[in-house]
C-alpha atoms as a PDB file:
ATOM      1  CA  UNK A   1     -24.162 -11.937 -55.835  1.00  0.00           C
ATOM      2  CA  UNK A   2     -23.757 -15.696 -55.371  1.00  0.00           C
ATOM      3  CA  UNK A   3     -20.472 -15.573 -57.259  1.00  0.00           C
ATOM      4  CA  UNK A   4     -19.088 -12.873 -54.944  1.00  0.00           C
ATOM      5  CA  UNK A   5     -20.168 -14.808 -51.874  1.00  0.00           C
ATOM      6  CA  UNK A   6     -18.472 -17.969 -53.153  1.00  0.00           C
ATOM      7  CA  UNK A   7     -15.318 -15.988 -53.940  1.00  0.00           C
ATOM      8  CA  UNK A   8     -15.250 -14.528 -50.418  1.00  0.00           C
ATOM      9  CA  UNK A   9     -15.722 -17.978 -48.851  1.00  0.00           C
ATOM     10  CA  UNK A  10     -12.976 -19.551 -50.963  1.00  0.00           C
ATOM     11  CA  UNK A  11     -10.580 -16.657 -50.271  1.00  0.00           C
ATOM     12  CA  UNK A  12     -11.245 -16.896 -46.526  1.00  0.00           C
ATOM     13  CA  UNK A  13     -10.578 -20.648 -46.611  1.00  0.00           C
ATOM     14  CA  UNK A  14      -7.290 -20.191 -48.501  1.00  0.00           C
ATOM     15  CA  UNK A  15      -6.076 -17.454 -46.154  1.00  0.00           C
ATOM     16  CA  UNK A  16      -6.924 -19.495 -43.059  1.00  0.00           C
ATOM     17  CA  UNK A  17      -5.211 -22.573 -44.538  1.00  0.00           C
ATOM     18  CA  UNK A  18      -2.045 -20.562 -45.234  1.00  0.00           C
ATOM     19  CA  UNK A  19      -2.153 -19.124 -41.714  1.00  0.00           C
ATOM     20  CA  UNK A  20      -2.411 -22.646 -40.277  1.00  0.00           C
ATOM     21  CA  UNK A  21       0.656 -23.705 -42.278  1.00  0.00           C
ATOM     22  CA  UNK A  22       2.608 -20.708 -40.971  1.00  0.00           C
ATOM     23  CA  UNK A  23       1.599 -21.443 -37.383  1.00  0.00           C
ATOM     24  CA  UNK A  24       2.573 -25.113 -37.840  1.00  0.00           C
ATOM     25  CA  UNK A  25       5.971 -24.051 -39.190  1.00  0.00           C
ATOM     26  CA  UNK A  26       6.491 -21.699 -36.237  1.00  0.00           C
ATOM     27  CA  UNK A  27       5.606 -24.494 -33.817  1.00  0.00           C
ATOM     28  CA  UNK A  28       8.483 -26.497 -35.317  1.00  0.00           C
ATOM     29  CA  UNK A  29      10.708 -23.675 -34.009  1.00  0.00           C
ATOM     30  CA  UNK A  30       9.011 -23.923 -30.606  1.00  0.00           C
ATOM     31  CA  UNK A  31       7.213 -20.557 -30.835  1.00  0.00           C
ATOM     32  CA  UNK A  32       3.679 -19.299 -31.422  1.00  0.00           C
ATOM     33  CA  UNK A  33       1.652 -16.101 -31.655  1.00  0.00           C
ATOM     34  CA  UNK A  34       0.033 -16.789 -28.257  1.00  0.00           C
ATOM     35  CA  UNK A  35      -0.090 -13.736 -26.008  1.00  0.00           C
ATOM     36  CA  UNK A  36       1.388 -11.289 -28.523  1.00  0.00           C
ATOM     37  CA  UNK A  37      -0.509  -7.959 -28.377  1.00  0.00           C
ATOM     38  CA  UNK A  38      -2.462  -6.916 -31.492  1.00  0.00           C
ATOM     39  CA  UNK A  39      -0.220  -4.142 -32.873  1.00  0.00           C
ATOM     40  CA  UNK A  40       3.110  -6.005 -32.585  1.00  0.00           C
ATOM     41  CA  UNK A  41       1.392  -9.119 -33.919  1.00  0.00           C
ATOM     42  CA  UNK A  42       0.382  -7.321 -37.121  1.00  0.00           C
ATOM     43  CA  UNK A  43       4.001  -6.231 -37.652  1.00  0.00           C
ATOM     44  CA  UNK A  44       5.409  -9.673 -36.845  1.00  0.00           C
ATOM     45  CA  UNK A  45       3.030 -11.337 -39.314  1.00  0.00           C
ATOM     46  CA  UNK A  46       4.244  -8.949 -42.036  1.00  0.00           C
ATOM     47  CA  UNK A  47       7.802 -10.319 -41.723  1.00  0.00           C
ATOM     48  CA  UNK A  48       9.160 -13.321 -43.648  1.00  0.00           C
ATOM     49  CA  UNK A  49       8.612 -16.624 -41.821  1.00  0.00           C
ATOM     50  CA  UNK A  50      12.256 -17.005 -40.741  1.00  0.00           C
ATOM     51  CA  UNK A  51      12.287 -13.528 -39.170  1.00  0.00           C
ATOM     52  CA  UNK A  52       8.938 -14.197 -37.495  1.00  0.00           C
ATOM     53  CA  UNK A  53      10.454 -17.247 -35.831  1.00  0.00           C
ATOM     54  CA  UNK A  54      13.497 -15.255 -34.683  1.00  0.00           C
ATOM     55  CA  UNK A  55      11.373 -12.449 -33.223  1.00  0.00           C
ATOM     56  CA  UNK A  56       9.055 -14.882 -31.445  1.00  0.00           C
ATOM     57  CA  UNK A  57      12.034 -16.858 -30.059  1.00  0.00           C
ATOM     58  CA  UNK A  58      13.544 -13.638 -28.721  1.00  0.00           C
ATOM     59  CA  UNK A  59      10.205 -12.642 -27.170  1.00  0.00           C
ATOM     60  CA  UNK A  60       9.884 -16.076 -25.545  1.00  0.00           C
ATOM     61  CA  UNK A  61      13.435 -15.918 -24.146  1.00  0.00           C
ATOM     62  CA  UNK A  62      12.963 -12.379 -22.803  1.00  0.00           C
ATOM     63  CA  UNK A  63       9.663 -13.260 -21.110  1.00  0.00           C
ATOM     64  CA  UNK A  64      11.231 -16.349 -19.497  1.00  0.00           C
ATOM     65  CA  UNK A  65      14.035 -14.247 -18.032  1.00  0.00           C
ATOM     66  CA  UNK A  66      11.874 -11.462 -16.592  1.00  0.00           C
ATOM     67  CA  UNK A  67      11.709 -11.270 -12.811  1.00  0.00           C
ATOM     68  CA  UNK A  68       9.307  -9.334 -10.623  1.00  0.00           C
ATOM     69  CA  UNK A  69      10.933  -6.514  -8.696  1.00  0.00           C
ATOM     70  CA  UNK A  70       8.831  -5.061  -5.914  1.00  0.00           C
ATOM     71  CA  UNK A  71       8.516  -1.288  -5.957  1.00  0.00           C
ATOM     72  CA  UNK A  72      10.642   0.835  -3.624  1.00  0.00           C
ATOM     73  CA  UNK A  73      13.956   2.642  -3.435  1.00  0.00           C
ATOM     74  CA  UNK A  74      17.448   1.267  -3.801  1.00  0.00           C
ATOM     75  CA  UNK A  75      21.050   2.439  -4.061  1.00  0.00           C
ATOM     76  CA  UNK A  76      22.637   1.600  -7.371  1.00  0.00           C
ATOM     77  CA  UNK A  77      26.320   0.867  -7.654  1.00  0.00           C
ATOM     78  CA  UNK A  78      29.156  -0.337  -5.461  1.00  0.00           C
ATOM     79  CA  UNK A  79      29.407   1.561  -2.181  1.00  0.00           C
ATOM     80  CA  UNK A  80      31.900  -0.732  -0.446  1.00  0.00           C
ATOM     81  CA  UNK A  81      35.022   1.209  -1.415  1.00  0.00           C
ATOM     82  CA  UNK A  82      35.601   4.438  -3.260  1.00  0.00           C
ATOM     83  CA  UNK A  83      37.986   4.586  -6.209  1.00  0.00           C
ATOM     84  CA  UNK A  84      39.905   7.890  -6.642  1.00  0.00           C
END
């Protein structure tokens, strides 16, 4: 019983240490897991580190470029002149 408990504690420590290294590496790329919902986060963490960084950079860029558009109707397209 004691042996199993020690094994679980050591395994948990190793996994958390590896996770800290990954997060430190991602911070070098200027990205983090902050704010990523649970399901996409599980998928992102399953990717190789380089792809994780690319996905998180894309997410960061997309979120920075989002703008709030108030609800309502609008006319889409160019209505100034008609082209035959």
